[in-house]
N, C-alpha and C. Protein backbone atom coordinates (compact mmCIF):
# COMPACT_ATOMS: atom_id res chain seq x y z
N MET A 1 12.00 -7.81 19.39
CA MET A 1 11.81 -6.61 18.72
C MET A 1 10.41 -6.39 18.21
N ALA A 2 9.88 -7.26 17.66
CA ALA A 2 8.49 -7.26 17.10
C ALA A 2 7.43 -7.12 18.17
N ASN A 3 7.53 -7.60 19.36
CA ASN A 3 6.65 -7.40 20.34
C ASN A 3 6.77 -6.05 20.94
N SER A 4 7.91 -5.53 21.04
CA SER A 4 8.16 -4.14 21.37
C SER A 4 7.56 -3.18 20.47
N LEU A 5 7.60 -3.44 19.23
CA LEU A 5 7.10 -2.60 18.17
C LEU A 5 5.55 -2.67 18.35
N LEU A 6 5.00 -3.84 18.54
CA LEU A 6 3.50 -4.07 18.65
C LEU A 6 2.91 -3.29 19.83
N LEU A 7 3.71 -3.36 21.05
CA LEU A 7 3.37 -2.81 22.27
C LEU A 7 3.34 -1.27 21.99
N LEU A 8 4.41 -0.75 21.33
CA LEU A 8 4.50 0.75 21.07
C LEU A 8 3.32 1.23 20.33
N VAL A 9 2.85 0.38 19.21
CA VAL A 9 1.95 0.81 18.30
C VAL A 9 0.41 0.80 19.26
N CYS A 10 0.21 -0.26 19.93
CA CYS A 10 -0.74 -0.18 20.85
C CYS A 10 -0.89 0.84 21.80
N LEU A 11 0.02 1.14 22.32
CA LEU A 11 0.11 2.29 23.48
C LEU A 11 -0.12 3.63 22.55
N VAL A 12 0.49 3.89 21.58
CA VAL A 12 0.18 5.08 20.68
C VAL A 12 -1.20 5.08 20.28
N SER A 13 -1.82 4.14 19.98
CA SER A 13 -3.25 4.07 19.49
C SER A 13 -4.19 4.48 20.63
N VAL A 14 -3.87 3.75 21.86
CA VAL A 14 -4.48 4.11 23.07
C VAL A 14 -4.53 5.64 23.44
N TRP A 15 -3.19 6.07 23.33
CA TRP A 15 -3.00 7.48 23.69
C TRP A 15 -3.83 8.41 22.71
N ILE A 16 -3.86 8.10 21.56
CA ILE A 16 -4.52 9.05 20.42
C ILE A 16 -6.08 8.99 20.84
N VAL A 17 -6.61 7.79 21.09
CA VAL A 17 -7.97 7.58 21.29
C VAL A 17 -8.32 8.34 22.59
N PHE A 18 -7.65 8.23 23.66
CA PHE A 18 -7.76 9.03 24.90
C PHE A 18 -7.66 10.51 24.66
N MET A 19 -6.74 11.07 23.89
CA MET A 19 -6.69 12.40 23.64
C MET A 19 -7.95 12.89 22.80
N ASN A 20 -8.37 12.22 21.85
CA ASN A 20 -9.58 12.48 21.17
C ASN A 20 -10.79 12.72 21.97
N ILE A 21 -10.90 11.70 23.06
CA ILE A 21 -12.10 11.78 23.92
C ILE A 21 -11.92 12.78 24.73
N LEU A 22 -10.78 13.18 25.23
CA LEU A 22 -10.64 14.37 26.17
C LEU A 22 -10.97 15.62 25.45
N SER A 23 -10.56 15.76 24.17
CA SER A 23 -10.96 17.08 23.55
C SER A 23 -12.28 17.22 22.97
N LEU A 24 -13.07 16.30 23.08
CA LEU A 24 -14.65 16.35 22.75
C LEU A 24 -15.23 17.43 23.23
N PRO A 25 -15.42 17.52 24.62
CA PRO A 25 -16.16 18.56 25.27
C PRO A 25 -15.65 20.06 24.76
N PHE A 26 -14.27 20.13 24.45
CA PHE A 26 -13.87 21.56 24.13
C PHE A 26 -14.18 21.80 22.72
N MET A 27 -14.35 20.76 21.90
CA MET A 27 -14.62 20.99 20.34
C MET A 27 -16.20 20.77 20.00
N ALA A 28 -16.98 20.64 21.05
CA ALA A 28 -18.38 20.44 20.89
C ALA A 28 -19.16 21.69 20.11
N SER A 29 -18.43 22.79 20.08
CA SER A 29 -19.11 23.89 19.34
C SER A 29 -18.74 24.04 17.97
N GLY A 30 -17.78 22.99 17.51
CA GLY A 30 -17.55 22.97 15.90
C GLY A 30 -16.36 23.75 15.61
N ILE A 31 -16.19 24.01 14.40
CA ILE A 31 -15.09 24.72 14.01
C ILE A 31 -15.03 26.14 14.35
N SER A 32 -13.85 26.69 14.67
CA SER A 32 -13.78 28.03 15.24
C SER A 32 -13.47 28.96 14.14
N SER A 33 -13.86 30.24 14.33
CA SER A 33 -13.62 31.38 13.44
C SER A 33 -12.54 32.21 14.02
N CYS A 34 -12.29 33.31 13.56
CA CYS A 34 -11.29 34.22 13.92
C CYS A 34 -11.32 34.43 15.59
N GLY A 35 -10.07 34.13 16.23
CA GLY A 35 -10.06 34.30 17.71
C GLY A 35 -10.59 33.17 18.42
N GLY A 36 -11.17 32.23 17.63
CA GLY A 36 -11.75 31.15 18.55
C GLY A 36 -10.54 30.11 18.84
N SER A 37 -11.06 29.35 20.00
CA SER A 37 -10.02 28.52 20.58
C SER A 37 -9.89 27.27 19.55
N CYS A 38 -8.56 26.93 19.68
CA CYS A 38 -8.21 25.76 18.80
C CYS A 38 -7.08 24.88 19.39
N GLN A 39 -6.96 23.61 18.89
CA GLN A 39 -5.77 22.90 19.27
C GLN A 39 -5.12 22.35 17.95
N THR A 40 -5.85 22.14 16.86
CA THR A 40 -5.26 21.62 15.71
C THR A 40 -5.78 22.49 14.50
N LEU A 41 -5.05 22.20 13.22
CA LEU A 41 -5.59 23.02 12.11
C LEU A 41 -7.04 22.70 11.74
N ASP A 42 -7.52 21.45 12.23
CA ASP A 42 -8.96 21.16 11.74
C ASP A 42 -9.97 21.87 12.55
N ASP A 43 -9.43 22.38 13.65
CA ASP A 43 -10.29 23.24 14.53
C ASP A 43 -10.71 24.53 13.95
N CYS A 44 -10.02 25.14 12.89
CA CYS A 44 -10.38 26.39 12.48
C CYS A 44 -10.91 26.37 11.15
N ALA A 45 -11.85 27.43 10.90
CA ALA A 45 -12.53 27.42 9.49
C ALA A 45 -11.77 27.91 8.35
N GLY A 46 -12.17 27.46 7.24
CA GLY A 46 -11.55 28.09 6.11
C GLY A 46 -10.03 27.91 6.02
N GLN A 47 -9.50 29.08 5.70
CA GLN A 47 -7.93 29.29 5.45
C GLN A 47 -7.16 29.73 6.67
N LEU A 48 -8.01 29.55 7.88
CA LEU A 48 -7.47 29.99 9.14
C LEU A 48 -6.51 28.83 9.77
N ILE A 49 -5.52 29.22 10.57
CA ILE A 49 -4.73 28.04 11.16
C ILE A 49 -4.66 28.49 12.66
N CYS A 50 -4.29 27.34 13.29
CA CYS A 50 -4.28 27.53 14.85
C CYS A 50 -2.78 28.13 15.19
N ILE A 51 -2.83 29.15 15.75
CA ILE A 51 -1.63 29.97 16.34
C ILE A 51 -1.83 30.20 17.76
N ASP A 52 -1.08 29.62 18.52
CA ASP A 52 -0.89 29.81 20.00
C ASP A 52 -2.37 29.65 20.53
N GLY A 53 -3.00 28.73 20.08
CA GLY A 53 -4.29 28.21 20.60
C GLY A 53 -5.55 29.03 20.13
N LYS A 54 -5.22 29.92 19.18
CA LYS A 54 -6.35 30.78 18.68
C LYS A 54 -6.35 30.63 17.06
N CYS A 55 -7.51 30.58 16.55
CA CYS A 55 -7.64 30.62 15.01
C CYS A 55 -7.28 32.06 14.50
N ASP A 56 -6.36 32.20 13.57
CA ASP A 56 -5.98 33.43 12.99
C ASP A 56 -5.54 33.12 11.46
N ASP A 57 -5.44 34.30 10.78
CA ASP A 57 -5.01 34.27 9.39
C ASP A 57 -3.73 33.34 9.19
N ASP A 58 -3.48 32.65 8.16
CA ASP A 58 -2.28 31.97 7.85
C ASP A 58 -1.35 32.98 7.24
N PRO A 59 -0.13 33.34 7.88
CA PRO A 59 0.72 34.45 7.20
C PRO A 59 1.20 33.97 6.00
N ASP A 60 1.28 32.62 5.83
CA ASP A 60 1.81 32.10 4.41
C ASP A 60 1.01 32.31 3.34
N LEU A 61 -0.30 32.34 3.67
CA LEU A 61 -1.31 32.46 2.52
C LEU A 61 -1.59 33.97 2.18
N GLY A 62 -1.22 34.95 3.19
CA GLY A 62 -1.50 36.27 3.03
C GLY A 62 -2.92 36.65 3.32
N THR A 63 -3.71 35.88 3.73
CA THR A 63 -5.20 36.08 4.04
C THR A 63 -5.35 37.14 5.10
N HIS A 64 -6.55 37.80 4.97
CA HIS A 64 -6.91 38.91 6.05
C HIS A 64 -8.22 38.61 6.52
N THR A 65 -8.65 37.47 6.56
CA THR A 65 -10.06 37.08 7.13
C THR A 65 -10.38 37.76 8.52
N CYS A 66 -9.31 37.82 9.43
CA CYS A 66 -9.65 38.29 10.72
C CYS A 66 -9.36 39.71 10.86
N GLY A 67 -8.93 40.45 9.83
CA GLY A 67 -8.82 41.88 9.80
C GLY A 67 -7.35 42.12 10.15
N GLY A 68 -7.15 43.29 10.52
CA GLY A 68 -5.91 43.74 11.03
C GLY A 68 -4.66 43.68 9.89
N GLY A 69 -4.22 42.47 9.73
CA GLY A 69 -2.97 42.29 8.72
C GLY A 69 -1.71 42.48 9.59
N SER A 70 -1.75 42.48 10.65
CA SER A 70 -0.45 42.57 11.53
C SER A 70 0.02 41.21 11.43
N SER A 71 1.47 41.06 11.72
CA SER A 71 2.06 39.85 11.80
C SER A 71 1.74 39.32 13.11
N PRO A 72 1.56 37.89 13.06
CA PRO A 72 1.40 37.07 14.22
C PRO A 72 2.65 37.09 15.05
N THR A 73 2.49 36.83 16.39
CA THR A 73 3.63 36.45 17.25
C THR A 73 4.27 35.24 16.89
N PRO A 74 5.59 35.32 16.69
CA PRO A 74 6.24 33.97 16.29
C PRO A 74 6.08 32.87 17.44
N ASP A 75 6.06 31.69 16.73
CA ASP A 75 5.88 30.52 17.71
C ASP A 75 6.99 30.51 18.58
N PRO A 76 6.80 30.23 19.87
CA PRO A 76 7.96 29.82 20.87
C PRO A 76 8.48 28.50 20.58
N PRO A 77 9.77 28.23 20.93
CA PRO A 77 10.50 27.15 20.28
C PRO A 77 9.66 25.65 20.52
N SER A 78 8.93 25.69 21.48
CA SER A 78 8.20 24.37 21.89
C SER A 78 7.00 24.02 21.24
N SER A 79 6.51 25.15 20.56
CA SER A 79 5.20 25.16 20.04
C SER A 79 5.13 24.60 18.53
N GLY A 80 4.00 24.25 18.11
CA GLY A 80 3.94 23.63 16.63
C GLY A 80 2.75 22.90 16.57
N THR A 81 2.55 22.44 15.33
CA THR A 81 1.54 21.51 15.02
C THR A 81 1.72 20.00 15.24
N PRO A 82 1.07 19.35 16.02
CA PRO A 82 1.46 17.90 16.34
C PRO A 82 1.33 17.12 15.03
N ALA A 83 2.21 16.13 14.79
CA ALA A 83 2.12 15.38 13.59
C ALA A 83 2.97 13.98 13.70
N ILE A 84 2.89 13.08 12.74
CA ILE A 84 3.62 11.98 12.97
C ILE A 84 4.63 12.02 11.75
N LEU A 85 5.90 11.87 11.96
CA LEU A 85 6.94 11.75 11.12
C LEU A 85 7.17 10.49 10.50
N THR A 86 7.05 10.31 9.28
CA THR A 86 7.22 8.87 8.62
C THR A 86 8.52 9.16 7.65
N ASN A 87 8.96 7.96 7.02
CA ASN A 87 9.95 8.01 6.13
C ASN A 87 9.65 7.81 4.72
N ASN A 88 10.17 8.54 3.75
CA ASN A 88 9.96 8.56 2.44
C ASN A 88 11.18 8.60 1.61
N ASN A 89 11.28 7.84 0.53
CA ASN A 89 12.35 7.98 -0.29
C ASN A 89 11.94 8.74 -1.66
N PHE A 90 12.50 10.06 -1.77
CA PHE A 90 12.11 10.88 -2.88
C PHE A 90 12.89 10.80 -4.03
N GLU A 91 13.71 9.64 -4.08
CA GLU A 91 14.57 9.45 -5.34
C GLU A 91 13.65 8.45 -6.27
N GLU A 92 14.09 8.74 -7.55
CA GLU A 92 13.48 7.88 -8.59
C GLU A 92 13.67 6.51 -8.27
N GLY A 93 12.50 5.70 -8.37
CA GLY A 93 12.43 4.33 -7.95
C GLY A 93 12.25 4.10 -6.37
N GLY A 94 12.13 5.23 -5.74
CA GLY A 94 12.07 5.09 -4.21
C GLY A 94 10.60 4.86 -3.90
N ASP A 95 10.15 4.60 -2.58
CA ASP A 95 8.81 4.28 -2.25
C ASP A 95 7.90 5.48 -2.32
N GLY A 96 8.50 6.66 -2.60
CA GLY A 96 7.49 7.90 -2.84
C GLY A 96 6.73 7.90 -4.09
N GLY A 97 6.94 6.97 -4.94
CA GLY A 97 6.09 6.76 -6.03
C GLY A 97 6.68 7.66 -7.24
N GLY A 98 5.79 8.59 -7.76
CA GLY A 98 6.22 9.44 -8.89
C GLY A 98 7.12 10.59 -8.45
N PRO A 99 7.39 11.52 -9.32
CA PRO A 99 8.06 12.64 -8.92
C PRO A 99 7.24 13.65 -7.96
N SER A 100 7.89 14.50 -7.29
CA SER A 100 7.32 15.35 -6.37
C SER A 100 6.16 16.34 -7.07
N GLU A 101 5.19 16.60 -6.33
CA GLU A 101 4.18 17.27 -6.75
C GLU A 101 4.54 18.86 -7.04
N CYS A 102 5.32 19.22 -6.17
CA CYS A 102 5.64 20.73 -6.34
C CYS A 102 6.60 20.97 -7.50
N ASP A 103 7.38 20.14 -8.02
CA ASP A 103 8.29 20.66 -9.16
C ASP A 103 8.28 19.38 -10.20
N GLY A 104 7.65 18.35 -10.11
CA GLY A 104 7.65 17.28 -11.04
C GLY A 104 8.96 16.68 -11.07
N LYS A 105 9.97 16.74 -10.00
CA LYS A 105 11.19 16.09 -10.20
C LYS A 105 11.29 15.26 -8.91
N TYR A 106 12.45 14.45 -9.08
CA TYR A 106 12.74 13.46 -8.00
C TYR A 106 13.93 14.14 -7.25
N HIS A 107 14.14 13.81 -6.03
CA HIS A 107 15.00 14.66 -5.13
C HIS A 107 15.96 13.49 -4.33
N ASP A 108 17.27 14.07 -4.20
CA ASP A 108 18.18 13.43 -3.44
C ASP A 108 17.72 13.17 -2.03
N ASN A 109 17.62 11.99 -1.60
CA ASN A 109 16.98 11.60 -0.36
C ASN A 109 17.87 11.91 0.96
N SER A 110 19.01 12.47 0.60
CA SER A 110 20.01 12.78 1.74
C SER A 110 19.62 14.32 2.15
N GLN A 111 18.81 15.08 1.13
CA GLN A 111 18.53 16.43 1.39
C GLN A 111 17.48 16.49 2.58
N ASN A 112 17.18 17.51 3.22
CA ASN A 112 16.33 17.81 4.20
C ASN A 112 14.98 18.20 3.42
N ILE A 113 14.12 17.30 3.10
CA ILE A 113 12.83 17.61 2.27
C ILE A 113 11.77 16.79 2.90
N VAL A 114 10.61 17.23 2.69
CA VAL A 114 9.38 16.48 3.18
C VAL A 114 8.23 16.58 2.03
N ALA A 115 7.27 15.61 2.40
CA ALA A 115 5.91 15.77 1.75
C ALA A 115 4.84 15.94 3.06
N LEU A 116 3.88 16.81 2.88
CA LEU A 116 2.88 17.11 3.91
C LEU A 116 1.63 16.46 3.51
N SER A 117 0.85 16.09 4.50
CA SER A 117 -0.44 15.64 4.29
C SER A 117 -1.32 16.65 3.54
N THR A 118 -2.28 16.22 2.71
CA THR A 118 -3.02 16.97 1.76
C THR A 118 -3.60 18.29 2.47
N ARG A 119 -4.09 18.24 3.68
CA ARG A 119 -4.60 19.43 4.33
C ARG A 119 -3.50 20.42 4.53
N TRP A 120 -2.27 19.98 4.97
CA TRP A 120 -1.32 20.93 5.27
C TRP A 120 -0.61 21.42 3.92
N TYR A 121 -0.43 20.49 2.95
CA TYR A 121 -0.02 20.73 1.63
C TYR A 121 -0.87 21.88 1.05
N ASP A 122 -2.04 21.94 1.27
CA ASP A 122 -2.91 23.05 0.86
C ASP A 122 -2.88 23.46 -0.52
N HIS A 123 -3.09 22.58 -1.52
CA HIS A 123 -3.06 22.78 -2.89
C HIS A 123 -1.78 23.40 -3.42
N GLY A 124 -0.71 23.04 -2.78
CA GLY A 124 0.63 23.40 -3.13
C GLY A 124 1.14 24.76 -2.55
N SER A 125 0.34 25.32 -1.66
CA SER A 125 0.56 26.80 -1.03
C SER A 125 2.07 26.63 -0.27
N ARG A 126 2.36 25.57 0.16
CA ARG A 126 3.61 25.43 0.96
C ARG A 126 4.81 24.93 0.16
N CYS A 127 4.55 24.64 -1.18
CA CYS A 127 5.76 24.19 -1.96
C CYS A 127 6.93 25.09 -1.86
N GLY A 128 8.15 24.51 -1.67
CA GLY A 128 9.35 25.18 -1.75
C GLY A 128 9.64 26.09 -0.45
N LYS A 129 8.61 25.89 0.58
CA LYS A 129 8.79 26.70 1.74
C LYS A 129 9.40 25.81 2.78
N MET A 130 10.05 26.28 3.75
CA MET A 130 10.80 25.68 4.69
C MET A 130 9.84 25.62 6.14
N ILE A 131 9.95 24.26 6.64
CA ILE A 131 9.17 24.01 7.88
C ILE A 131 10.40 23.59 8.84
N LYS A 132 9.93 23.73 10.17
CA LYS A 132 10.79 23.41 11.35
C LYS A 132 10.20 22.22 11.95
N ILE A 133 10.99 21.07 12.06
CA ILE A 133 10.36 19.73 12.63
C ILE A 133 11.01 19.62 13.94
N THR A 134 10.32 19.44 14.97
CA THR A 134 11.02 19.24 16.35
C THR A 134 10.56 17.94 16.88
N VAL A 135 11.34 17.22 17.46
CA VAL A 135 11.16 16.04 18.22
C VAL A 135 10.99 16.25 19.64
N PRO A 136 10.37 15.34 20.38
CA PRO A 136 10.09 15.48 21.88
C PRO A 136 11.35 15.89 22.70
N ASN A 137 12.52 15.29 22.27
CA ASN A 137 13.77 15.77 23.09
C ASN A 137 14.24 17.26 22.60
N GLY A 138 13.58 17.93 21.87
CA GLY A 138 13.90 19.27 21.52
C GLY A 138 14.76 19.52 20.30
N ARG A 139 15.23 18.46 19.93
CA ARG A 139 16.14 18.51 18.62
C ARG A 139 15.14 18.90 17.39
N SER A 140 15.71 19.82 16.50
CA SER A 140 14.82 20.24 15.38
C SER A 140 15.72 20.38 14.18
N VAL A 141 14.94 20.39 12.97
CA VAL A 141 15.71 20.59 11.64
C VAL A 141 14.67 21.23 10.82
N LEU A 142 15.39 22.18 9.91
CA LEU A 142 14.58 22.81 8.80
C LEU A 142 14.55 21.93 7.68
N ALA A 143 13.29 21.76 6.93
CA ALA A 143 13.11 20.99 5.88
C ALA A 143 12.34 21.84 4.67
N LYS A 144 12.55 21.43 3.63
CA LYS A 144 11.87 22.10 2.52
C LYS A 144 10.69 21.12 1.97
N VAL A 145 9.50 21.72 1.86
CA VAL A 145 8.34 21.08 1.30
C VAL A 145 8.43 20.80 -0.07
N VAL A 146 8.39 19.60 -0.59
CA VAL A 146 8.56 19.32 -2.02
C VAL A 146 7.45 18.45 -2.60
N ASP A 147 6.53 17.95 -1.77
CA ASP A 147 5.50 16.88 -2.18
C ASP A 147 4.37 16.94 -1.19
N GLU A 148 3.43 16.23 -1.79
CA GLU A 148 2.15 15.95 -0.97
C GLU A 148 2.08 14.52 -0.68
N CYS A 149 1.72 14.26 0.63
CA CYS A 149 1.33 12.82 0.98
C CYS A 149 -0.06 12.78 0.94
N ASP A 150 -0.47 12.35 -0.24
CA ASP A 150 -1.92 12.48 -0.65
C ASP A 150 -2.88 11.55 0.04
N GLU A 151 -3.96 12.16 0.81
CA GLU A 151 -4.86 11.39 1.56
C GLU A 151 -5.74 10.53 0.64
N SER A 152 -5.84 10.89 -0.60
CA SER A 152 -6.75 10.13 -1.58
C SER A 152 -5.88 8.79 -1.91
N ASP A 153 -4.66 8.80 -1.79
CA ASP A 153 -3.89 7.64 -1.79
C ASP A 153 -3.48 6.83 -0.53
N GLY A 154 -4.42 7.21 0.55
CA GLY A 154 -4.33 6.59 1.75
C GLY A 154 -3.39 7.19 2.80
N CYS A 155 -2.83 8.36 2.59
CA CYS A 155 -1.94 8.91 3.58
C CYS A 155 -2.89 9.52 4.69
N PRO A 156 -2.55 9.24 5.94
CA PRO A 156 -3.42 9.99 7.02
C PRO A 156 -3.15 11.38 6.91
N ASN A 157 -4.04 12.17 7.66
CA ASN A 157 -4.03 13.59 7.58
C ASN A 157 -3.06 14.32 8.46
N ASP A 158 -2.36 13.48 9.24
CA ASP A 158 -1.53 14.07 10.20
C ASP A 158 0.06 13.72 9.95
N ILE A 159 0.50 13.62 8.70
CA ILE A 159 1.79 13.16 8.28
C ILE A 159 2.68 14.05 7.78
N VAL A 160 3.98 14.09 8.35
CA VAL A 160 5.04 14.87 7.70
C VAL A 160 5.99 13.76 7.20
N ASP A 161 6.04 13.43 6.02
CA ASP A 161 6.85 12.44 5.47
C ASP A 161 8.29 12.86 5.04
N GLY A 162 9.19 12.57 6.06
CA GLY A 162 10.60 12.95 5.71
C GLY A 162 11.47 12.09 5.08
N SER A 163 12.56 12.68 4.41
CA SER A 163 13.58 12.00 3.71
C SER A 163 14.64 11.27 4.78
N ASP A 164 15.44 10.54 4.29
CA ASP A 164 16.43 10.07 5.20
C ASP A 164 17.25 11.15 5.76
N GLY A 165 17.63 12.28 4.87
CA GLY A 165 18.23 13.46 5.59
C GLY A 165 17.57 14.07 6.72
N VAL A 166 16.25 14.08 6.76
CA VAL A 166 15.51 14.64 7.95
C VAL A 166 15.68 13.89 9.13
N TRP A 167 15.45 12.53 8.83
CA TRP A 167 15.66 11.52 10.00
C TRP A 167 17.05 11.49 10.53
N ASN A 168 17.94 11.59 9.74
CA ASN A 168 19.42 11.51 10.22
C ASN A 168 19.64 12.92 11.06
N ALA A 169 19.19 14.09 10.41
CA ALA A 169 19.56 15.32 11.15
C ALA A 169 18.80 15.41 12.41
N LEU A 170 17.75 14.51 12.68
CA LEU A 170 17.10 14.50 13.96
C LEU A 170 17.65 13.52 14.99
N GLY A 171 18.62 12.72 14.17
CA GLY A 171 19.26 11.59 15.18
C GLY A 171 18.35 10.64 15.30
N LEU A 172 17.36 10.27 14.48
CA LEU A 172 16.41 9.20 14.65
C LEU A 172 16.78 7.90 13.94
N ASP A 173 16.33 6.83 14.43
CA ASP A 173 16.48 5.62 13.77
C ASP A 173 15.38 5.33 12.65
N ILE A 174 15.58 5.37 11.48
CA ILE A 174 14.73 5.16 10.43
C ILE A 174 13.82 3.89 10.57
N ASP A 175 14.36 2.76 11.27
CA ASP A 175 13.65 1.54 11.29
C ASP A 175 12.44 1.64 12.37
N ILE A 176 12.42 2.76 13.13
CA ILE A 176 11.28 3.00 14.05
C ILE A 176 9.93 3.18 13.30
N GLY A 177 10.12 3.81 12.18
CA GLY A 177 8.92 4.01 11.24
C GLY A 177 8.16 5.29 11.34
N GLU A 178 7.73 5.54 12.63
CA GLU A 178 6.93 6.72 13.00
C GLU A 178 7.47 7.25 14.32
N VAL A 179 7.50 8.64 14.17
CA VAL A 179 7.82 9.43 15.57
C VAL A 179 6.90 10.57 15.60
N HIS A 180 6.33 10.85 16.77
CA HIS A 180 5.46 12.02 16.97
C HIS A 180 6.36 13.17 17.19
N VAL A 181 6.03 14.18 16.34
CA VAL A 181 6.83 15.42 16.29
C VAL A 181 5.82 16.61 16.26
N THR A 182 6.41 17.85 16.21
CA THR A 182 5.61 19.06 15.93
C THR A 182 6.35 19.72 14.78
N TRP A 183 5.58 20.49 14.17
CA TRP A 183 6.09 21.25 12.98
C TRP A 183 5.32 22.71 12.86
N SER A 184 6.27 23.60 12.25
CA SER A 184 5.75 24.98 12.08
C SER A 184 6.54 25.53 10.89
N MET A 185 5.89 26.54 10.35
CA MET A 185 6.56 27.33 9.25
C MET A 185 7.77 27.86 9.76
N ALA A 186 8.95 27.73 8.99
CA ALA A 186 10.13 28.36 9.45
C ALA A 186 10.33 29.71 9.13
């Protein structure tokens, strides 16, 4: 089992490095502004987000940097922001540390709740909002944002830290530890 897990970690690491190398020529121009090409949230300037491969206003923040103010086209079912789903215990005494950043409370770990990496948590702008998490087989779950997975405490910038409830709803084995997923605002 340990050898299989080590092999999986190595393969994922090689894949991430390979994908980063492939994206370098496309990202050479730096951070994109309104309507610019993007693949991840980091590819867009300021409070813009990547929607369908183009940088645009974040509808959840209500910004109108790109003008218009029209509603963006909803994400197709298979789209979303790539992330790594990890497991967190949001209960008092759990591995999540202190109470949740959004409300200062601990939460029942059987609920569908998540902590988002600092950049996605965005100073609490997503607190209490629902996100849709989808695994590669197409299975998805809605979960409420209740906490920040703080990068200053060592959390990587691409994490959706889900409760046992999220993992169980997706039919995942918590012992796996990490699963590649996509997420979007619900």
